[in-house]
N, C-alpha and C. Protein backbone atom coordinates (compact mmCIF):
# COMPACT_ATOMS: atom_id res chain seq x y z
N MET A 1 11.18 -74.44 -143.24
CA MET A 1 9.43 -75.04 -142.28
C MET A 1 9.68 -76.78 -142.25
N PRO A 2 10.18 -76.77 -140.96
CA PRO A 2 10.11 -78.51 -139.95
C PRO A 2 9.28 -79.35 -140.47
N LYS A 3 9.58 -80.21 -140.53
CA LYS A 3 8.75 -81.21 -140.72
C LYS A 3 7.34 -81.55 -139.94
N HIS A 4 7.67 -80.81 -138.67
CA HIS A 4 6.90 -80.92 -137.99
C HIS A 4 6.54 -79.62 -137.24
N SER A 5 5.23 -79.27 -137.00
CA SER A 5 5.03 -77.92 -136.83
C SER A 5 5.73 -77.22 -135.32
N VAL A 6 5.97 -79.01 -134.57
CA VAL A 6 5.68 -78.30 -132.73
C VAL A 6 7.64 -79.02 -132.78
N PHE A 7 8.07 -77.75 -132.47
CA PHE A 7 9.27 -77.97 -132.19
C PHE A 7 9.95 -77.39 -130.93
N SER A 8 10.43 -78.03 -129.88
CA SER A 8 10.95 -77.52 -128.85
C SER A 8 12.37 -78.23 -128.37
N ARG A 9 13.20 -76.81 -127.85
CA ARG A 9 14.36 -77.53 -127.08
C ARG A 9 14.53 -77.61 -125.41
N ARG A 10 15.09 -78.57 -125.80
CA ARG A 10 15.75 -79.35 -124.32
C ARG A 10 15.63 -78.26 -123.49
N ALA A 11 15.35 -78.36 -122.34
CA ALA A 11 15.91 -76.77 -121.19
C ALA A 11 17.46 -77.47 -120.72
N LYS A 12 18.65 -76.66 -120.62
CA LYS A 12 19.79 -76.59 -120.42
C LYS A 12 19.66 -76.74 -118.72
N LYS A 13 20.66 -77.96 -118.16
CA LYS A 13 20.53 -78.18 -116.75
C LYS A 13 21.02 -77.38 -116.05
N PRO A 14 20.97 -76.82 -115.02
CA PRO A 14 21.95 -75.51 -114.25
C PRO A 14 23.18 -76.41 -114.07
N SER A 15 24.33 -76.07 -114.57
CA SER A 15 25.40 -76.16 -113.85
C SER A 15 25.78 -76.53 -112.44
N LYS A 16 26.63 -77.29 -112.42
CA LYS A 16 27.09 -77.75 -110.28
C LYS A 16 28.06 -76.72 -110.49
N PRO A 17 28.05 -76.37 -109.51
CA PRO A 17 29.60 -74.99 -108.96
C PRO A 17 30.64 -76.03 -108.90
N ALA A 18 31.67 -75.33 -109.73
CA ALA A 18 32.84 -76.09 -109.63
C ALA A 18 33.57 -76.19 -108.64
N ILE A 19 34.28 -77.08 -107.88
CA ILE A 19 34.82 -76.89 -106.78
C ILE A 19 35.96 -76.58 -107.15
N HIS A 20 36.48 -75.78 -105.63
CA HIS A 20 37.57 -75.32 -106.15
C HIS A 20 39.01 -75.80 -105.75
N PRO A 21 39.90 -75.24 -106.57
CA PRO A 21 41.01 -76.09 -106.46
C PRO A 21 41.75 -76.15 -105.35
N ALA A 22 41.53 -75.45 -104.50
CA ALA A 22 41.98 -75.90 -103.43
C ALA A 22 41.85 -77.26 -102.50
N TRP A 23 41.00 -77.70 -102.73
CA TRP A 23 40.49 -78.77 -102.43
C TRP A 23 41.21 -79.64 -102.50
N ARG A 24 42.07 -79.96 -104.34
CA ARG A 24 42.50 -80.84 -104.89
C ARG A 24 44.20 -80.63 -103.64
N GLY A 25 44.23 -79.83 -103.26
CA GLY A 25 45.86 -79.26 -103.18
C GLY A 25 45.87 -79.82 -101.73
N ILE A 26 44.66 -79.66 -100.90
CA ILE A 26 44.37 -80.58 -99.36
C ILE A 26 44.36 -82.16 -99.68
N GLY A 27 43.81 -82.27 -100.76
CA GLY A 27 43.86 -84.15 -100.94
C GLY A 27 44.86 -84.25 -100.76
N CYS A 28 45.79 -84.05 -101.64
CA CYS A 28 47.09 -84.22 -102.17
C CYS A 28 47.87 -84.46 -100.96
N ILE A 29 47.59 -83.20 -100.05
CA ILE A 29 48.49 -82.93 -98.92
C ILE A 29 48.03 -84.45 -98.19
N PHE A 30 46.78 -84.81 -97.68
CA PHE A 30 46.05 -86.07 -96.87
C PHE A 30 46.79 -87.00 -97.14
N MET A 31 47.00 -87.26 -98.92
CA MET A 31 47.72 -88.56 -99.43
C MET A 31 49.24 -88.82 -98.91
N ILE A 32 49.48 -87.76 -98.59
CA ILE A 32 51.02 -87.70 -98.60
C ILE A 32 51.30 -87.54 -97.00
N THR A 33 50.28 -87.44 -96.11
CA THR A 33 51.09 -86.82 -94.70
C THR A 33 50.32 -88.29 -93.83
N ILE A 34 49.24 -88.42 -94.20
CA ILE A 34 48.69 -89.56 -93.46
C ILE A 34 49.34 -90.97 -93.52
N PRO A 35 49.82 -91.45 -94.61
CA PRO A 35 50.84 -92.78 -94.56
C PRO A 35 51.97 -92.32 -93.65
N VAL A 36 52.54 -90.83 -93.77
CA VAL A 36 54.02 -91.08 -92.74
C VAL A 36 53.47 -91.03 -91.68
N ILE A 37 52.05 -90.04 -91.07
CA ILE A 37 52.10 -90.18 -89.67
C ILE A 37 51.89 -91.95 -88.89
N ALA A 38 50.75 -92.16 -90.22
CA ALA A 38 50.75 -93.93 -89.40
C ALA A 38 51.79 -94.48 -89.43
N TYR A 39 52.86 -94.57 -90.54
CA TYR A 39 54.39 -95.19 -90.20
C TYR A 39 54.83 -94.37 -88.84
N LEU A 40 54.91 -93.03 -88.49
CA LEU A 40 55.34 -93.09 -86.95
C LEU A 40 54.60 -93.22 -86.57
N VAL A 41 53.09 -93.37 -85.84
CA VAL A 41 52.68 -93.97 -84.66
C VAL A 41 52.97 -95.54 -84.67
N SER A 42 53.19 -96.35 -85.90
CA SER A 42 53.58 -98.09 -85.99
C SER A 42 54.77 -98.01 -85.50
N ASN A 43 55.60 -96.99 -85.77
CA ASN A 43 57.27 -97.37 -85.39
C ASN A 43 57.20 -97.30 -83.69
N LEU A 44 56.13 -96.14 -83.29
CA LEU A 44 55.73 -95.78 -81.73
C LEU A 44 55.00 -97.02 -80.97
N LEU A 45 54.17 -97.47 -81.83
CA LEU A 45 53.68 -98.53 -81.12
C LEU A 45 54.46 -100.07 -81.31
N ILE A 46 55.51 -100.40 -82.13
CA ILE A 46 56.56 -100.85 -82.30
C ILE A 46 57.71 -100.97 -80.90
N LYS A 47 58.02 -99.96 -80.84
CA LYS A 47 59.04 -99.62 -79.71
C LYS A 47 58.17 -99.45 -78.55
N ASN A 48 56.81 -99.39 -78.04
CA ASN A 48 56.11 -99.48 -76.71
C ASN A 48 55.84 -100.92 -77.00
N ILE A 49 56.24 -101.66 -77.45
CA ILE A 49 55.30 -102.69 -77.43
C ILE A 49 55.30 -103.87 -76.06
N SER A 50 56.22 -103.69 -75.04
CA SER A 50 55.98 -103.99 -73.81
C SER A 50 55.06 -103.19 -73.36
N LYS A 51 54.47 -101.80 -73.54
CA LYS A 51 53.47 -101.64 -72.49
C LYS A 51 52.36 -101.83 -73.04
N ILE A 52 52.29 -102.03 -73.95
CA ILE A 52 50.96 -102.45 -74.75
C ILE A 52 50.55 -103.86 -74.57
N PRO A 53 50.20 -104.87 -73.42
CA PRO A 53 49.76 -105.89 -73.48
C PRO A 53 48.68 -106.58 -74.39
N TRP A 54 47.80 -105.78 -75.19
CA TRP A 54 47.05 -106.79 -76.20
C TRP A 54 47.67 -106.63 -77.67
N LEU A 55 48.75 -106.01 -77.76
CA LEU A 55 49.15 -105.74 -79.36
C LEU A 55 50.85 -106.67 -79.68
N ALA A 56 50.15 -108.01 -79.95
CA ALA A 56 51.18 -109.10 -80.06
C ALA A 56 51.71 -108.95 -81.38
N ILE A 57 53.25 -109.36 -81.69
CA ILE A 57 53.63 -109.44 -82.87
C ILE A 57 53.76 -111.04 -82.97
N PRO A 58 53.19 -111.53 -83.70
CA PRO A 58 53.31 -113.11 -84.08
C PRO A 58 54.72 -113.16 -84.89
N PRO A 59 55.20 -114.52 -84.20
CA PRO A 59 56.17 -114.72 -84.75
C PRO A 59 56.61 -115.19 -86.36
N GLU A 60 55.49 -115.40 -87.05
CA GLU A 60 55.71 -115.67 -88.27
C GLU A 60 55.77 -114.56 -89.21
N MET A 61 55.39 -113.35 -88.70
CA MET A 61 55.85 -111.98 -89.26
C MET A 61 57.29 -111.44 -89.01
N ILE A 62 58.29 -112.08 -88.34
CA ILE A 62 59.31 -111.79 -88.22
C ILE A 62 60.57 -112.43 -89.36
N VAL A 63 60.97 -111.15 -90.00
CA VAL A 63 61.94 -111.65 -91.44
C VAL A 63 63.42 -111.95 -90.44
N LYS A 64 63.83 -113.26 -90.49
CA LYS A 64 65.06 -113.68 -89.99
C LYS A 64 66.05 -112.98 -90.78
N ASN A 65 66.21 -112.99 -92.15
CA ASN A 65 67.38 -112.46 -92.86
C ASN A 65 67.24 -111.34 -93.62
N TYR A 66 66.91 -110.40 -92.74
CA TYR A 66 66.74 -108.71 -93.35
C TYR A 66 66.82 -107.88 -92.17
N THR A 67 67.23 -106.67 -92.82
CA THR A 67 68.12 -105.53 -91.80
C THR A 67 67.22 -105.09 -90.77
N ASP A 68 65.91 -105.07 -91.10
CA ASP A 68 64.48 -104.78 -90.47
C ASP A 68 64.06 -105.95 -90.00
N GLN A 69 63.88 -106.58 -88.92
CA GLN A 69 63.36 -107.92 -88.63
C GLN A 69 61.57 -107.54 -88.60
N LEU A 70 61.46 -106.22 -88.38
CA LEU A 70 59.67 -105.91 -88.24
C LEU A 70 58.89 -105.17 -89.06
N ILE A 71 60.02 -105.61 -90.64
CA ILE A 71 59.26 -104.47 -91.83
C ILE A 71 58.15 -105.00 -91.81
N LEU A 72 57.60 -106.09 -91.71
CA LEU A 72 56.29 -106.82 -92.16
C LEU A 72 54.84 -106.18 -91.27
N VAL A 73 55.46 -106.42 -90.11
CA VAL A 73 54.91 -105.38 -88.92
C VAL A 73 54.50 -104.58 -89.10
N ARG A 74 55.53 -103.33 -89.35
CA ARG A 74 55.36 -102.01 -89.51
C ARG A 74 54.51 -101.83 -90.79
N LEU A 75 54.97 -102.70 -91.73
CA LEU A 75 54.00 -102.30 -93.12
C LEU A 75 52.31 -102.66 -92.73
N LEU A 76 52.24 -103.77 -91.91
CA LEU A 76 50.53 -104.01 -91.40
C LEU A 76 50.32 -103.15 -91.18
N TYR A 77 50.58 -102.83 -89.60
CA TYR A 77 50.35 -101.32 -88.85
C TYR A 77 50.08 -100.36 -89.19
N THR A 78 51.32 -99.64 -90.43
CA THR A 78 50.94 -98.84 -91.23
C THR A 78 49.70 -98.48 -92.05
N THR A 79 49.39 -99.93 -92.90
CA THR A 79 48.19 -100.10 -93.62
C THR A 79 47.05 -99.81 -92.46
N LEU A 80 47.17 -100.45 -91.54
CA LEU A 80 45.60 -100.51 -91.02
C LEU A 80 45.21 -98.96 -90.48
N ILE A 81 46.45 -98.20 -89.89
CA ILE A 81 46.58 -97.17 -89.20
C ILE A 81 45.99 -95.87 -90.47
N SER A 82 46.66 -96.04 -91.17
CA SER A 82 46.26 -95.36 -92.63
C SER A 82 44.67 -95.52 -92.98
N LEU A 83 44.19 -96.55 -92.77
CA LEU A 83 42.90 -96.93 -93.50
C LEU A 83 42.19 -96.41 -92.17
N LEU A 84 42.34 -96.65 -91.33
CA LEU A 84 41.66 -95.64 -90.33
C LEU A 84 41.44 -94.46 -90.04
N LEU A 85 42.37 -93.52 -90.42
CA LEU A 85 42.62 -92.32 -90.66
C LEU A 85 41.76 -91.43 -91.83
N PHE A 86 41.82 -92.59 -93.03
CA PHE A 86 40.93 -92.16 -94.22
C PHE A 86 39.82 -92.25 -93.81
N LEU A 87 39.50 -93.66 -93.30
CA LEU A 87 37.98 -93.83 -93.01
C LEU A 87 37.37 -92.66 -91.73
N LEU A 88 38.28 -92.24 -91.11
CA LEU A 88 37.83 -91.33 -89.95
C LEU A 88 37.93 -89.77 -90.45
N ILE A 89 38.39 -89.53 -91.67
CA ILE A 89 38.85 -87.77 -92.43
C ILE A 89 37.01 -88.51 -93.28
N SER A 90 36.88 -89.38 -93.94
CA SER A 90 35.56 -89.43 -94.63
C SER A 90 34.46 -89.96 -94.07
N LEU A 91 34.20 -89.86 -93.11
CA LEU A 91 33.49 -89.88 -92.02
C LEU A 91 32.93 -88.13 -91.34
N ILE A 92 33.83 -87.88 -91.32
CA ILE A 92 33.74 -86.29 -90.87
C ILE A 92 33.49 -85.28 -91.77
N THR A 93 34.16 -86.02 -92.99
CA THR A 93 33.55 -85.01 -93.95
C THR A 93 32.28 -85.24 -94.68
N PHE A 94 31.72 -86.51 -94.38
CA PHE A 94 30.34 -86.93 -94.72
C PHE A 94 29.83 -86.46 -93.67
N ILE A 95 29.73 -86.22 -92.71
CA ILE A 95 28.97 -85.40 -91.58
C ILE A 95 28.93 -84.14 -91.58
N LEU A 96 30.11 -83.24 -92.01
CA LEU A 96 29.81 -82.01 -92.10
C LEU A 96 29.27 -81.45 -93.58
N ASN A 97 29.19 -82.68 -94.34
CA ASN A 97 28.50 -82.04 -95.88
C ASN A 97 27.13 -82.22 -95.48
N SER A 98 26.89 -83.09 -95.12
CA SER A 98 25.18 -83.26 -94.67
C SER A 98 24.66 -82.50 -93.94
N LEU A 99 25.29 -81.99 -92.84
CA LEU A 99 25.17 -80.66 -92.04
C LEU A 99 24.72 -79.50 -92.66
N PHE A 100 25.96 -79.25 -93.68
CA PHE A 100 26.06 -77.72 -94.18
C PHE A 100 25.76 -77.86 -95.54
N ASN A 101 25.37 -78.84 -96.27
CA ASN A 101 24.81 -78.87 -97.86
C ASN A 101 23.78 -79.85 -97.79
N PRO A 102 22.70 -79.83 -97.58
CA PRO A 102 21.53 -80.40 -97.60
C PRO A 102 20.92 -80.61 -99.16
N LYS A 103 20.77 -81.91 -99.13
CA LYS A 103 19.86 -81.51 -100.80
C LYS A 103 18.80 -81.04 -100.68
N GLN A 104 18.65 -80.58 -102.29
CA GLN A 104 17.43 -80.30 -102.16
C GLN A 104 16.24 -81.00 -102.54
N LYS A 105 14.91 -80.91 -101.78
CA LYS A 105 14.51 -82.05 -101.94
C LYS A 105 13.59 -82.14 -103.26
N GLY A 106 13.14 -82.96 -104.39
CA GLY A 106 12.35 -82.85 -105.28
C GLY A 106 10.81 -83.17 -105.35
N PRO A 107 9.99 -83.01 -106.45
CA PRO A 107 8.82 -82.99 -106.13
C PRO A 107 8.18 -84.56 -105.87
N TYR A 108 8.95 -85.44 -105.78
CA TYR A 108 8.26 -86.60 -105.54
C TYR A 108 8.94 -87.12 -104.30
N ASP A 109 9.76 -86.05 -103.13
CA ASP A 109 10.29 -86.84 -101.58
C ASP A 109 9.24 -86.27 -100.94
N LEU A 110 9.31 -86.76 -99.82
CA LEU A 110 8.22 -86.97 -98.71
C LEU A 110 9.03 -85.68 -97.49
């Protein structure tokens, strides 16, 4: 006999459905392909710099004693384009998730 006559068990929380393993593979593919695409786009931008007047390369970013003198510019453009692509994919994912998987309202929601 327990010390107290009232005995209750906690109700188990319903488990969340597991994420399908294919989504991990898609995330890995995105982590590899987005920087590659960004590098290719940055190379394309640098090659066509004369056609894009608003895209300027400051002389401080040109490395004189290196085989590829525009390596810093390529890295900067690759980083910026990668961040923009990741932001775009995150926004699209957020919007699709909010449209097709809305939160269930609780008792305290209006």
